[in-house]
């Protein structure tokens, strides 16, 4: 079954600081998914990249098979990601 949302190799840098490196997730129809980890692990950064609030420094992001890397929070809901 094809994933609704697929993300692999997600990374986010702030200058020399690496906030997120190599995060991946695949969400299929009917699944409930949680992102867990200790404080400072990059959970919020990961979600902000997935939702378009932050542009990824590196990533392969797909929603319903469409490349969404770098699309902002205004365009993503228009294609059905909310």
N, C-alpha and C. Protein backbone atom coordinates (compact mmCIF):
# COMPACT_ATOMS: atom_id res chain seq x y z
N UNK A 1 0.84 -1.18 0.00
CA UNK A 1 0.00 0.00 0.00
C UNK A 1 0.89 1.25 0.00
N UNK A 2 0.54 2.22 -0.80
CA UNK A 2 1.29 3.46 -0.89
C UNK A 2 1.06 4.32 0.34
N UNK A 3 2.11 4.94 0.82
CA UNK A 3 2.00 5.81 1.99
C UNK A 3 1.33 7.13 1.61
N UNK A 4 0.54 7.66 2.53
CA UNK A 4 -0.02 8.99 2.34
C UNK A 4 1.08 10.03 2.42
N UNK A 5 1.92 9.87 3.44
CA UNK A 5 3.02 10.79 3.68
C UNK A 5 4.30 10.00 3.87
N UNK A 6 5.32 10.33 3.10
CA UNK A 6 6.62 9.68 3.22
C UNK A 6 7.68 10.77 3.34
N UNK A 7 8.54 10.59 4.31
CA UNK A 7 9.66 11.51 4.49
C UNK A 7 10.90 10.69 4.77
N UNK A 8 11.98 11.00 4.09
CA UNK A 8 13.23 10.29 4.36
C UNK A 8 14.40 11.27 4.25
N UNK A 9 15.40 11.04 5.08
CA UNK A 9 16.58 11.87 5.07
C UNK A 9 16.32 13.32 5.44
N UNK A 10 15.33 13.54 6.29
CA UNK A 10 14.96 14.91 6.65
C UNK A 10 16.03 15.51 7.56
N UNK A 11 16.53 16.66 7.15
CA UNK A 11 17.53 17.36 7.93
C UNK A 11 17.24 18.84 7.98
N UNK A 12 17.66 19.46 9.06
CA UNK A 12 17.50 20.91 9.20
C UNK A 12 18.71 21.44 9.96
N UNK A 13 19.34 22.43 9.37
CA UNK A 13 20.52 23.07 9.96
C UNK A 13 20.23 24.55 10.19
N UNK A 14 20.84 25.07 11.22
CA UNK A 14 20.85 26.51 11.49
C UNK A 14 22.32 26.90 11.53
N UNK A 15 22.87 27.28 10.40
CA UNK A 15 24.29 27.56 10.32
C UNK A 15 25.07 26.27 10.56
N UNK A 16 25.94 26.27 11.56
CA UNK A 16 26.72 25.08 11.89
C UNK A 16 25.97 24.12 12.81
N UNK A 17 24.85 24.56 13.38
CA UNK A 17 24.09 23.72 14.31
C UNK A 17 23.16 22.78 13.54
N UNK A 18 23.29 21.49 13.80
CA UNK A 18 22.43 20.48 13.17
C UNK A 18 21.28 20.17 14.12
N UNK A 19 20.08 20.63 13.77
CA UNK A 19 18.91 20.42 14.61
C UNK A 19 18.25 19.07 14.32
N UNK A 20 18.43 18.58 13.10
CA UNK A 20 17.78 17.34 12.68
C UNK A 20 18.61 16.73 11.57
N UNK A 21 18.81 15.42 11.64
CA UNK A 21 19.63 14.76 10.62
C UNK A 21 19.08 13.36 10.35
N UNK A 22 18.67 13.11 9.12
CA UNK A 22 18.30 11.78 8.67
C UNK A 22 17.00 11.21 9.22
N UNK A 23 16.06 12.05 9.62
CA UNK A 23 14.78 11.55 10.16
C UNK A 23 13.91 11.02 9.02
N UNK A 24 13.16 9.97 9.30
CA UNK A 24 12.28 9.36 8.30
C UNK A 24 10.97 8.93 8.94
N UNK A 25 9.92 8.89 8.11
CA UNK A 25 8.61 8.43 8.56
C UNK A 25 7.79 8.05 7.33
N UNK A 26 6.89 7.10 7.51
CA UNK A 26 5.92 6.75 6.47
C UNK A 26 4.58 6.55 7.17
N UNK A 27 3.56 7.24 6.69
CA UNK A 27 2.23 7.16 7.29
C UNK A 27 1.27 6.65 6.23
N UNK A 28 0.58 5.56 6.53
CA UNK A 28 -0.37 4.96 5.60
C UNK A 28 -1.81 5.20 6.07
N UNK A 29 -2.74 5.01 5.20
CA UNK A 29 -4.15 5.20 5.50
C UNK A 29 -4.54 4.42 6.76
N UNK A 30 -5.22 5.09 7.67
CA UNK A 30 -5.72 4.46 8.89
C UNK A 30 -4.72 4.34 10.02
N UNK A 31 -3.48 4.72 9.80
CA UNK A 31 -2.47 4.61 10.85
C UNK A 31 -2.49 5.83 11.77
N UNK A 32 -2.18 5.58 13.03
CA UNK A 32 -1.90 6.65 13.98
C UNK A 32 -0.42 6.55 14.28
N UNK A 33 0.28 7.66 14.17
CA UNK A 33 1.73 7.66 14.32
C UNK A 33 2.11 8.70 15.37
N UNK A 34 3.07 8.35 16.20
CA UNK A 34 3.59 9.28 17.20
C UNK A 34 5.07 9.49 16.97
N UNK A 35 5.53 10.69 17.25
CA UNK A 35 6.95 11.01 17.20
C UNK A 35 7.37 11.24 18.65
N UNK A 36 8.25 10.36 19.16
CA UNK A 36 8.66 10.45 20.55
C UNK A 36 10.17 10.57 20.65
N UNK A 37 10.63 11.11 21.74
CA UNK A 37 12.06 11.24 21.98
C UNK A 37 12.32 12.22 23.10
N UNK A 38 13.54 12.29 23.55
CA UNK A 38 13.87 13.19 24.66
C UNK A 38 13.86 14.66 24.22
N UNK A 39 13.88 15.54 25.20
CA UNK A 39 13.96 16.97 24.91
C UNK A 39 15.20 17.23 24.06
N UNK A 40 15.02 18.07 23.05
CA UNK A 40 16.13 18.44 22.19
C UNK A 40 16.44 17.46 21.08
N UNK A 41 15.59 16.44 20.90
CA UNK A 41 15.84 15.42 19.90
C UNK A 41 15.46 15.86 18.48
N UNK A 42 14.68 16.94 18.35
CA UNK A 42 14.29 17.44 17.04
C UNK A 42 12.87 17.12 16.63
N UNK A 43 12.03 16.70 17.59
CA UNK A 43 10.64 16.35 17.26
C UNK A 43 9.87 17.52 16.67
N UNK A 44 9.94 18.66 17.32
CA UNK A 44 9.22 19.84 16.83
C UNK A 44 9.78 20.31 15.50
N UNK A 45 11.08 20.30 15.35
CA UNK A 45 11.70 20.67 14.08
C UNK A 45 11.22 19.74 12.98
N UNK A 46 11.15 18.44 13.25
CA UNK A 46 10.69 17.45 12.27
C UNK A 46 9.26 17.75 11.84
N UNK A 47 8.37 17.98 12.79
CA UNK A 47 6.97 18.27 12.47
C UNK A 47 6.88 19.60 11.71
N UNK A 48 7.67 20.59 12.10
CA UNK A 48 7.63 21.88 11.40
C UNK A 48 8.12 21.76 9.96
N UNK A 49 9.06 20.89 9.69
CA UNK A 49 9.50 20.65 8.31
C UNK A 49 8.39 19.93 7.54
N UNK A 50 7.77 18.93 8.16
CA UNK A 50 6.70 18.18 7.48
C UNK A 50 5.51 19.07 7.13
N UNK A 51 5.22 20.03 7.97
CA UNK A 51 4.05 20.89 7.75
C UNK A 51 4.39 22.16 6.96
N UNK A 52 5.65 22.32 6.57
CA UNK A 52 6.03 23.44 5.74
C UNK A 52 6.38 24.71 6.50
N UNK A 53 6.32 24.69 7.82
CA UNK A 53 6.68 25.88 8.58
C UNK A 53 8.16 26.19 8.47
N UNK A 54 8.98 25.14 8.32
CA UNK A 54 10.41 25.29 8.11
C UNK A 54 10.79 24.58 6.81
N UNK A 55 11.66 25.19 6.05
CA UNK A 55 12.17 24.53 4.84
C UNK A 55 13.25 23.52 5.27
N UNK A 56 13.26 22.34 4.68
CA UNK A 56 14.29 21.37 5.04
C UNK A 56 15.65 21.75 4.45
N UNK A 57 16.71 21.41 5.18
CA UNK A 57 18.05 21.55 4.62
C UNK A 57 18.34 20.39 3.68
N UNK A 58 17.74 19.24 4.00
CA UNK A 58 17.81 18.07 3.13
C UNK A 58 16.57 17.23 3.40
N UNK A 59 16.02 16.63 2.37
CA UNK A 59 14.84 15.78 2.58
C UNK A 59 14.28 15.28 1.26
N UNK A 60 13.61 14.16 1.37
CA UNK A 60 12.71 13.68 0.32
C UNK A 60 11.35 13.61 1.00
N UNK A 61 10.45 14.49 0.61
CA UNK A 61 9.12 14.56 1.21
C UNK A 61 8.08 14.34 0.12
N UNK A 62 7.16 13.40 0.37
CA UNK A 62 6.11 13.11 -0.60
C UNK A 62 4.78 12.98 0.13
N UNK A 63 3.75 13.59 -0.45
CA UNK A 63 2.38 13.45 0.04
C UNK A 63 1.54 12.99 -1.13
N UNK A 64 0.90 11.85 -0.98
CA UNK A 64 0.11 11.24 -2.06
C UNK A 64 0.93 11.13 -3.34
N UNK A 65 2.22 10.82 -3.17
CA UNK A 65 3.12 10.63 -4.30
C UNK A 65 3.70 11.89 -4.89
N UNK A 66 3.27 13.05 -4.41
CA UNK A 66 3.72 14.34 -4.94
C UNK A 66 4.86 14.88 -4.08
N UNK A 67 5.89 15.39 -4.71
CA UNK A 67 7.01 16.00 -3.99
C UNK A 67 6.53 17.29 -3.33
N UNK A 68 6.71 17.37 -2.01
CA UNK A 68 6.26 18.56 -1.28
C UNK A 68 7.41 19.29 -0.58
N UNK A 69 8.64 18.87 -0.81
CA UNK A 69 9.78 19.50 -0.14
C UNK A 69 9.83 20.98 -0.50
N UNK A 70 9.84 21.81 0.52
CA UNK A 70 9.94 23.25 0.31
C UNK A 70 8.63 23.97 0.09
N UNK A 71 7.51 23.24 -0.03
CA UNK A 71 6.22 23.91 -0.14
C UNK A 71 5.89 24.50 1.22
N UNK A 72 5.31 25.65 1.23
CA UNK A 72 5.02 26.33 2.49
C UNK A 72 3.69 25.91 3.11
N UNK A 73 3.41 26.45 4.30
CA UNK A 73 2.20 26.09 5.03
C UNK A 73 0.91 26.60 4.39
N UNK A 74 1.01 27.47 3.40
CA UNK A 74 -0.18 27.92 2.69
C UNK A 74 -0.52 26.94 1.57
N UNK A 75 0.48 26.44 0.87
CA UNK A 75 0.22 25.55 -0.27
C UNK A 75 -0.12 24.11 0.15
N UNK A 76 0.45 23.64 1.26
CA UNK A 76 0.20 22.25 1.67
C UNK A 76 -1.27 21.94 1.94
N UNK A 77 -2.02 22.76 2.66
CA UNK A 77 -3.44 22.45 2.85
C UNK A 77 -4.23 22.45 1.54
N UNK A 78 -3.78 23.19 0.57
CA UNK A 78 -4.47 23.23 -0.73
C UNK A 78 -4.36 21.92 -1.48
N UNK A 79 -3.33 21.10 -1.15
CA UNK A 79 -3.22 19.79 -1.78
C UNK A 79 -3.73 18.68 -0.86
N UNK A 80 -4.25 19.08 0.32
CA UNK A 80 -4.89 18.11 1.22
C UNK A 80 -4.11 17.73 2.47
N UNK A 81 -2.97 18.32 2.71
CA UNK A 81 -2.18 18.02 3.91
C UNK A 81 -2.49 19.08 4.96
N UNK A 82 -3.07 18.64 6.06
CA UNK A 82 -3.42 19.58 7.13
C UNK A 82 -3.01 19.03 8.48
